[in-house]
Amino acid sequence: MQSPSVTEYTQQQIIEKTKQASNVAFKLLHEISKIIKPGITETQARIKAQEIYEKHGIKKSWHKPYIYFGTNTILTFMDKPKEEKTLQEKDIAYIDIGPIIDGVEGDAGHTLVFGNNSLFNELKLQSSRIFNLGVDFWRKNNPTGIELYKCIYKLTEEAGFIFNLNPAGHLIGSFPHKGWKEGLHTYPYPPEPGYWILEIQIRHPEKPYGAFYEAVLL
C-alpha cells in the first residue's frame, strides 16, 4: 500500500485541525448560549462571552462575538446597531463567534428563541434547515461556491424568507486567512472540505426579524 501523497496528507491534517477547532467553537457557543437569558443586554452578553473565552484560554479571535437580540437580528457582521437591545421574555437572538484555536479559526453560530412565537420558531428552524440542505447538496453534487449559494437562495425563497448576507461564506484554516478573499458565494470552484464556512442569514420579508446559522463544510 502506497503512502499518501504530501498533498493528501496535508489536506487530511487540515481537515482534522478544522474539525477540532469547530468542535471547540460549538462547545463555546453552547456555553455562551446558556448565559443568554431575558433581561441581559447585548453588551453584557458580549462581555460574558469574552469571559468564557478567557476561562478556556482563548486569546485570539477572527472577530468579536456578534450577539444580537430582537429587531437587531436583521443586522449582519458589517452593520452597526443603532440601539442596544435587552433580551425580552418572548424574543429571538443570534450568536456568531470566531475563536482562534491552535492557530485555526473555529467559526460557529446559531439562533436562539425565547418564549413561544411562531415566526421566531420558524426563522430558527429554517436557518438550520437551509444550512443542512445546503450541505447535502454540496456533498451529493460537488457544486461550485456560486452554485451552492444559488441552491441556498432558492431554498430561502421557498421557505418564505429573504437571504440577508452579502458576502456570504468564507475561507478558514490557518489564521490569518490566506487565499480567496471574496465570499464563498462567488467562488467559481467546488469548495474543499475543511476549508470553508457556510453561512446562512435570513430575514422576514416585511417584519424586522432574522436568524443565523453557520458551521464549517465537512
C-alpha atoms as a PDB file:
ATOM      1  CA  MET A   1       0.000   0.000   0.000  1.00  0.00           C
ATOM      2  CA  GLN A   2       1.420   3.354  -1.048  1.00  0.00           C
ATOM      3  CA  SER A   3       1.848   6.154   1.422  1.00  0.00           C
ATOM      4  CA  PRO A   4      -0.498   9.093   0.896  1.00  0.00           C
ATOM      5  CA  SER A   5       0.933  11.957  -1.096  1.00  0.00           C
ATOM      6  CA  VAL A   6       2.109  15.064   0.701  1.00  0.00           C
ATOM      7  CA  THR A   7      -0.907  16.944  -0.680  1.00  0.00           C
ATOM      8  CA  GLU A   8      -3.376  14.329   0.579  1.00  0.00           C
ATOM      9  CA  TYR A   9      -1.647  14.057   3.936  1.00  0.00           C
ATOM     10  CA  THR A  10      -1.565  17.827   4.365  1.00  0.00           C
ATOM     11  CA  GLN A  11      -5.213  18.174   3.369  1.00  0.00           C
ATOM     12  CA  GLN A  12      -6.231  15.460   5.826  1.00  0.00           C
ATOM     13  CA  GLN A  13      -4.265  17.194   8.563  1.00  0.00           C
ATOM     14  CA  ILE A  14      -6.048  20.450   7.779  1.00  0.00           C
ATOM     15  CA  ILE A  15      -9.445  18.730   7.891  1.00  0.00           C
ATOM     16  CA  GLU A  16      -8.652  17.179  11.278  1.00  0.00           C
ATOM     17  CA  LYS A  17      -7.442  20.506  12.693  1.00  0.00           C
ATOM     18  CA  THR A  18     -10.554  22.214  11.357  1.00  0.00           C
ATOM     19  CA  LYS A  19     -12.793  19.547  12.919  1.00  0.00           C
ATOM     20  CA  GLN A  20     -11.089  20.039  16.271  1.00  0.00           C
ATOM     21  CA  ALA A  21     -11.434  23.820  16.064  1.00  0.00           C
ATOM     22  CA  SER A  22     -15.090  23.510  15.034  1.00  0.00           C
ATOM     23  CA  ASN A  23     -15.867  21.160  17.924  1.00  0.00           C
ATOM     24  CA  VAL A  24     -14.312  23.566  20.430  1.00  0.00           C
ATOM     25  CA  ALA A  25     -16.134  26.515  18.850  1.00  0.00           C
ATOM     26  CA  PHE A  26     -19.519  24.805  19.161  1.00  0.00           C
ATOM     27  CA  LYS A  27     -18.817  23.905  22.784  1.00  0.00           C
ATOM     28  CA  LEU A  28     -18.048  27.575  23.433  1.00  0.00           C
ATOM     29  CA  LEU A  29     -21.168  28.578  21.502  1.00  0.00           C
ATOM     30  CA  HIS A  30     -23.398  26.372  23.648  1.00  0.00           C
ATOM     31  CA  GLU A  31     -21.761  27.617  26.843  1.00  0.00           C
ATOM     32  CA  ILE A  32     -22.327  31.216  25.777  1.00  0.00           C
ATOM     33  CA  SER A  33     -25.928  30.373  24.869  1.00  0.00           C
ATOM     34  CA  LYS A  34     -26.607  29.292  28.450  1.00  0.00           C
ATOM     35  CA  ILE A  35     -25.893  32.798  29.786  1.00  0.00           C
ATOM     36  CA  ILE A  36     -28.256  34.451  27.278  1.00  0.00           C
ATOM     37  CA  LYS A  37     -31.396  34.967  29.347  1.00  0.00           C
ATOM     38  CA  PRO A  38     -34.200  37.563  29.388  1.00  0.00           C
ATOM     39  CA  GLY A  39     -33.033  40.803  30.979  1.00  0.00           C
ATOM     40  CA  ILE A  40     -29.459  40.668  29.671  1.00  0.00           C
ATOM     41  CA  THR A  41     -28.275  43.355  27.241  1.00  0.00           C
ATOM     42  CA  GLU A  42     -26.286  42.704  24.091  1.00  0.00           C
ATOM     43  CA  THR A  43     -23.226  44.379  25.613  1.00  0.00           C
ATOM     44  CA  GLN A  44     -23.479  42.313  28.794  1.00  0.00           C
ATOM     45  CA  ALA A  45     -23.774  39.159  26.690  1.00  0.00           C
ATOM     46  CA  ARG A  46     -20.649  40.023  24.694  1.00  0.00           C
ATOM     47  CA  ILE A  47     -18.700  40.708  27.897  1.00  0.00           C
ATOM     48  CA  LYS A  48     -19.761  37.343  29.318  1.00  0.00           C
ATOM     49  CA  ALA A  49     -18.785  35.659  26.048  1.00  0.00           C
ATOM     50  CA  GLN A  50     -15.295  37.133  26.354  1.00  0.00           C
ATOM     51  CA  GLU A  51     -15.104  35.881  29.942  1.00  0.00           C
ATOM     52  CA  ILE A  52     -15.937  32.386  28.697  1.00  0.00           C
ATOM     53  CA  TYR A  53     -13.178  32.717  26.096  1.00  0.00           C
ATOM     54  CA  GLU A  54     -10.714  33.667  28.822  1.00  0.00           C
ATOM     55  CA  LYS A  55     -11.824  30.774  31.027  1.00  0.00           C
ATOM     56  CA  HIS A  56     -10.998  28.370  28.211  1.00  0.00           C
ATOM     57  CA  GLY A  57      -7.719  30.038  27.288  1.00  0.00           C
ATOM     58  CA  ILE A  58      -8.927  31.596  24.033  1.00  0.00           C
ATOM     59  CA  LYS A  59      -6.683  34.606  23.466  1.00  0.00           C
ATOM     60  CA  LYS A  60      -7.428  35.454  19.835  1.00  0.00           C
ATOM     61  CA  SER A  61     -10.499  35.535  17.640  1.00  0.00           C
ATOM     62  CA  TRP A  62     -11.135  36.286  13.993  1.00  0.00           C
ATOM     63  CA  HIS A  63     -13.877  38.698  15.053  1.00  0.00           C
ATOM     64  CA  LYS A  64     -15.536  39.798  18.261  1.00  0.00           C
ATOM     65  CA  PRO A  65     -18.620  37.810  19.323  1.00  0.00           C
ATOM     66  CA  TYR A  66     -21.657  39.116  17.454  1.00  0.00           C
ATOM     67  CA  ILE A  67     -24.702  38.798  19.702  1.00  0.00           C
ATOM     68  CA  TYR A  68     -27.943  40.437  18.618  1.00  0.00           C
ATOM     69  CA  PHE A  69     -31.476  40.432  20.021  1.00  0.00           C
ATOM     70  CA  GLY A  70     -34.922  41.251  18.666  1.00  0.00           C
ATOM     71  CA  THR A  71     -35.018  43.591  15.683  1.00  0.00           C
ATOM     72  CA  ASN A  72     -31.211  43.715  15.694  1.00  0.00           C
ATOM     73  CA  THR A  73     -31.225  40.139  14.349  1.00  0.00           C
ATOM     74  CA  ILE A  74     -31.547  41.575  10.836  1.00  0.00           C
ATOM     75  CA  LEU A  75     -28.068  43.101  11.264  1.00  0.00           C
ATOM     76  CA  THR A  76     -25.099  41.446   9.577  1.00  0.00           C
ATOM     77  CA  PHE A  77     -21.474  41.434  10.688  1.00  0.00           C
ATOM     78  CA  MET A  78     -20.970  44.614   8.628  1.00  0.00           C
ATOM     79  CA  ASP A  79     -23.734  46.605  10.344  1.00  0.00           C
ATOM     80  CA  LYS A  80     -23.581  48.747  13.446  1.00  0.00           C
ATOM     81  CA  PRO A  81     -26.653  48.669  15.696  1.00  0.00           C
ATOM     82  CA  LYS A  82     -28.462  51.980  16.135  1.00  0.00           C
ATOM     83  CA  GLU A  83     -29.569  50.990  19.612  1.00  0.00           C
ATOM     84  CA  GLU A  84     -28.739  48.383  22.221  1.00  0.00           C
ATOM     85  CA  LYS A  85     -31.316  45.699  22.840  1.00  0.00           C
ATOM     86  CA  THR A  86     -32.269  43.972  26.069  1.00  0.00           C
ATOM     87  CA  LEU A  87     -33.490  40.394  25.680  1.00  0.00           C
ATOM     88  CA  GLN A  88     -37.234  40.074  26.310  1.00  0.00           C
ATOM     89  CA  GLU A  89     -39.268  37.149  27.657  1.00  0.00           C
ATOM     90  CA  LYS A  90     -40.519  36.439  24.127  1.00  0.00           C
ATOM     91  CA  ASP A  91     -37.617  37.158  21.833  1.00  0.00           C
ATOM     92  CA  ILE A  92     -35.133  35.957  19.244  1.00  0.00           C
ATOM     93  CA  ALA A  93     -31.333  36.187  19.312  1.00  0.00           C
ATOM     94  CA  TYR A  94     -28.351  35.038  17.325  1.00  0.00           C
ATOM     95  CA  ILE A  95     -24.733  34.418  18.288  1.00  0.00           C
ATOM     96  CA  ASP A  96     -21.774  34.353  15.882  1.00  0.00           C
ATOM     97  CA  ILE A  97     -18.302  33.562  17.233  1.00  0.00           C
ATOM     98  CA  GLY A  98     -14.894  33.100  15.596  1.00  0.00           C
ATOM     99  CA  PRO A  99     -12.345  31.939  18.188  1.00  0.00           C
ATOM    100  CA  ILE A 100      -8.824  31.028  17.085  1.00  0.00           C
ATOM    101  CA  ILE A 101      -7.948  27.557  18.407  1.00  0.00           C
ATOM    102  CA  ASP A 102      -4.339  26.404  17.995  1.00  0.00           C
ATOM    103  CA  GLY A 103      -3.936  28.842  15.113  1.00  0.00           C
ATOM    104  CA  VAL A 104      -7.086  27.672  13.310  1.00  0.00           C
ATOM    105  CA  GLU A 105     -10.346  29.586  13.118  1.00  0.00           C
ATOM    106  CA  GLY A 106     -13.371  27.846  14.609  1.00  0.00           C
ATOM    107  CA  ASP A 107     -16.390  29.765  13.344  1.00  0.00           C
ATOM    108  CA  ALA A 108     -19.801  28.808  14.754  1.00  0.00           C
ATOM    109  CA  GLY A 109     -23.179  30.468  15.020  1.00  0.00           C
ATOM    110  CA  HIS A 110     -26.827  29.769  15.692  1.00  0.00           C
ATOM    111  CA  THR A 111     -30.185  31.274  16.654  1.00  0.00           C
ATOM    112  CA  LEU A 112     -31.981  31.145  19.995  1.00  0.00           C
ATOM    113  CA  VAL A 113     -35.691  31.618  20.667  1.00  0.00           C
ATOM    114  CA  PHE A 114     -37.242  32.594  23.995  1.00  0.00           C
ATOM    115  CA  GLY A 115     -40.922  32.126  24.772  1.00  0.00           C
ATOM    116  CA  ASN A 116     -43.474  30.976  22.208  1.00  0.00           C
ATOM    117  CA  ASN A 117     -43.535  32.892  18.934  1.00  0.00           C
ATOM    118  CA  SER A 118     -44.330  31.083  15.695  1.00  0.00           C
ATOM    119  CA  LEU A 119     -42.333  33.467  13.488  1.00  0.00           C
ATOM    120  CA  PHE A 120     -39.235  33.234  15.685  1.00  0.00           C
ATOM    121  CA  ASN A 121     -39.506  29.452  15.816  1.00  0.00           C
ATOM    122  CA  GLU A 122     -39.822  29.264  12.031  1.00  0.00           C
ATOM    123  CA  LEU A 123     -36.830  31.549  11.460  1.00  0.00           C
ATOM    124  CA  LYS A 124     -34.685  29.426  13.758  1.00  0.00           C
ATOM    125  CA  LEU A 125     -35.881  26.193  12.153  1.00  0.00           C
ATOM    126  CA  GLN A 126     -35.331  27.376   8.597  1.00  0.00           C
ATOM    127  CA  SER A 127     -31.861  28.811   9.227  1.00  0.00           C
ATOM    128  CA  SER A 128     -30.544  25.412  10.331  1.00  0.00           C
ATOM    129  CA  ARG A 129     -32.688  23.506   7.809  1.00  0.00           C
ATOM    130  CA  ILE A 130     -31.368  25.557   4.886  1.00  0.00           C
ATOM    131  CA  PHE A 131     -27.826  25.021   6.154  1.00  0.00           C
ATOM    132  CA  ASN A 132     -28.299  21.241   6.347  1.00  0.00           C
ATOM    133  CA  LEU A 133     -29.936  21.047   2.913  1.00  0.00           C
ATOM    134  CA  GLY A 134     -27.099  23.144   1.516  1.00  0.00           C
ATOM    135  CA  VAL A 135     -24.538  20.745   2.972  1.00  0.00           C
ATOM    136  CA  ASP A 136     -26.440  17.783   1.482  1.00  0.00           C
ATOM    137  CA  PHE A 137     -26.452  19.484  -1.934  1.00  0.00           C
ATOM    138  CA  TRP A 138     -22.705  20.146  -1.673  1.00  0.00           C
ATOM    139  CA  ARG A 139     -21.897  16.547  -0.701  1.00  0.00           C
ATOM    140  CA  LYS A 140     -24.020  14.992  -3.444  1.00  0.00           C
ATOM    141  CA  ASN A 141     -23.338  17.354  -6.347  1.00  0.00           C
ATOM    142  CA  ASN A 142     -19.846  18.822  -5.840  1.00  0.00           C
ATOM    143  CA  PRO A 143     -21.058  22.296  -6.898  1.00  0.00           C
ATOM    144  CA  THR A 144     -19.039  25.477  -7.169  1.00  0.00           C
ATOM    145  CA  GLY A 145     -19.473  28.009  -4.379  1.00  0.00           C
ATOM    146  CA  ILE A 146     -21.644  30.024  -6.771  1.00  0.00           C
ATOM    147  CA  GLU A 147     -23.896  27.024  -7.474  1.00  0.00           C
ATOM    148  CA  LEU A 148     -24.088  26.144  -3.781  1.00  0.00           C
ATOM    149  CA  TYR A 149     -25.377  29.573  -2.871  1.00  0.00           C
ATOM    150  CA  LYS A 150     -27.816  29.604  -5.793  1.00  0.00           C
ATOM    151  CA  CYS A 151     -29.294  26.498  -4.176  1.00  0.00           C
ATOM    152  CA  ILE A 152     -29.381  28.238  -0.797  1.00  0.00           C
ATOM    153  CA  TYR A 153     -31.052  31.348  -2.246  1.00  0.00           C
ATOM    154  CA  LYS A 154     -33.737  29.129  -3.781  1.00  0.00           C
ATOM    155  CA  LEU A 155     -34.292  27.243  -0.512  1.00  0.00           C
ATOM    156  CA  THR A 156     -34.608  30.541   1.352  1.00  0.00           C
ATOM    157  CA  GLU A 157     -37.169  31.870  -1.118  1.00  0.00           C
ATOM    158  CA  GLU A 158     -39.162  28.632  -0.959  1.00  0.00           C
ATOM    159  CA  ALA A 159     -39.248  28.960   2.847  1.00  0.00           C
ATOM    160  CA  GLY A 160     -40.798  32.424   2.505  1.00  0.00           C
ATOM    161  CA  PHE A 161     -37.778  34.406   3.681  1.00  0.00           C
ATOM    162  CA  ILE A 162     -35.077  36.659   2.213  1.00  0.00           C
ATOM    163  CA  PHE A 163     -31.390  35.790   2.201  1.00  0.00           C
ATOM    164  CA  ASN A 164     -29.736  38.569   4.168  1.00  0.00           C
ATOM    165  CA  LEU A 165     -25.957  38.297   3.816  1.00  0.00           C
ATOM    166  CA  ASN A 166     -23.529  39.566   1.189  1.00  0.00           C
ATOM    167  CA  PRO A 167     -20.742  38.465   1.105  1.00  0.00           C
ATOM    168  CA  ALA A 168     -21.737  35.021   2.345  1.00  0.00           C
ATOM    169  CA  GLY A 169     -19.477  32.156   3.374  1.00  0.00           C
ATOM    170  CA  HIS A 170     -15.731  32.456   3.711  1.00  0.00           C
ATOM    171  CA  LEU A 171     -12.406  30.684   3.736  1.00  0.00           C
ATOM    172  CA  ILE A 172     -10.998  29.467   7.041  1.00  0.00           C
ATOM    173  CA  GLY A 173      -7.997  27.469   8.179  1.00  0.00           C
ATOM    174  CA  SER A 174      -4.718  28.909   9.363  1.00  0.00           C
ATOM    175  CA  PHE A 175      -5.035  32.348  10.879  1.00  0.00           C
ATOM    176  CA  PRO A 176      -4.724  34.846   9.286  1.00  0.00           C
ATOM    177  CA  HIS A 177      -6.672  33.750   6.218  1.00  0.00           C
ATOM    178  CA  LYS A 178      -4.765  33.180   3.008  1.00  0.00           C
ATOM    179  CA  GLY A 179      -6.237  32.595  -0.421  1.00  0.00           C
ATOM    180  CA  TRP A 180      -9.703  33.529  -1.713  1.00  0.00           C
ATOM    181  CA  LYS A 181     -10.677  36.900  -0.277  1.00  0.00           C
ATOM    182  CA  GLU A 182     -14.237  37.066  -1.587  1.00  0.00           C
ATOM    183  CA  GLY A 183     -17.283  35.273  -0.234  1.00  0.00           C
ATOM    184  CA  LEU A 184     -17.937  31.599  -0.891  1.00  0.00           C
ATOM    185  CA  HIS A 185     -20.991  32.724  -2.887  1.00  0.00           C
ATOM    186  CA  THR A 186     -18.585  33.981  -5.605  1.00  0.00           C
ATOM    187  CA  TYR A 187     -16.139  31.021  -5.524  1.00  0.00           C
ATOM    188  CA  PRO A 188     -16.055  29.509  -9.049  1.00  0.00           C
ATOM    189  CA  TYR A 189     -14.733  26.108  -7.920  1.00  0.00           C
ATOM    190  CA  PRO A 190     -16.107  23.312  -5.722  1.00  0.00           C
ATOM    191  CA  PRO A 191     -15.472  24.217  -2.051  1.00  0.00           C
ATOM    192  CA  GLU A 192     -12.925  21.888  -0.471  1.00  0.00           C
ATOM    193  CA  PRO A 193     -13.972  20.155   2.779  1.00  0.00           C
ATOM    194  CA  GLY A 194     -12.462  21.682   5.890  1.00  0.00           C
ATOM    195  CA  TYR A 195     -11.588  24.997   4.251  1.00  0.00           C
ATOM    196  CA  TRP A 196     -14.884  26.878   4.128  1.00  0.00           C
ATOM    197  CA  ILE A 197     -17.567  28.237   6.426  1.00  0.00           C
ATOM    198  CA  LEU A 198     -21.121  28.028   5.110  1.00  0.00           C
ATOM    199  CA  GLU A 199     -23.107  30.991   6.420  1.00  0.00           C
ATOM    200  CA  ILE A 200     -26.885  31.255   6.434  1.00  0.00           C
ATOM    201  CA  GLN A 201     -28.539  34.532   7.394  1.00  0.00           C
ATOM    202  CA  ILE A 202     -32.206  35.043   6.607  1.00  0.00           C
ATOM    203  CA  ARG A 203     -34.884  37.555   7.490  1.00  0.00           C
ATOM    204  CA  HIS A 204     -38.635  38.007   7.204  1.00  0.00           C
ATOM    205  CA  PRO A 205     -39.589  39.946   4.037  1.00  0.00           C
ATOM    206  CA  GLU A 206     -41.590  42.522   5.995  1.00  0.00           C
ATOM    207  CA  LYS A 207     -41.006  42.162   9.729  1.00  0.00           C
ATOM    208  CA  PRO A 208     -37.614  43.204  11.180  1.00  0.00           C
ATOM    209  CA  TYR A 209     -36.523  39.806  12.452  1.00  0.00           C
ATOM    210  CA  GLY A 210     -33.906  37.377  11.238  1.00  0.00           C
ATOM    211  CA  ALA A 211     -31.938  34.229  12.017  1.00  0.00           C
ATOM    212  CA  PHE A 212     -28.394  32.975  11.539  1.00  0.00           C
ATOM    213  CA  TYR A 213     -26.568  29.659  11.332  1.00  0.00           C
ATOM    214  CA  GLU A 214     -23.006  28.816  10.334  1.00  0.00           C
ATOM    215  CA  ALA A 215     -20.531  25.969  10.526  1.00  0.00           C
ATOM    216  CA  VAL A 216     -17.633  24.529   8.560  1.00  0.00           C
ATOM    217  CA  LEU A 217     -18.271  22.458   5.439  1.00  0.00           C
ATOM    218  CA  LEU A 218     -17.103  18.924   6.227  1.00  0.00           C
END
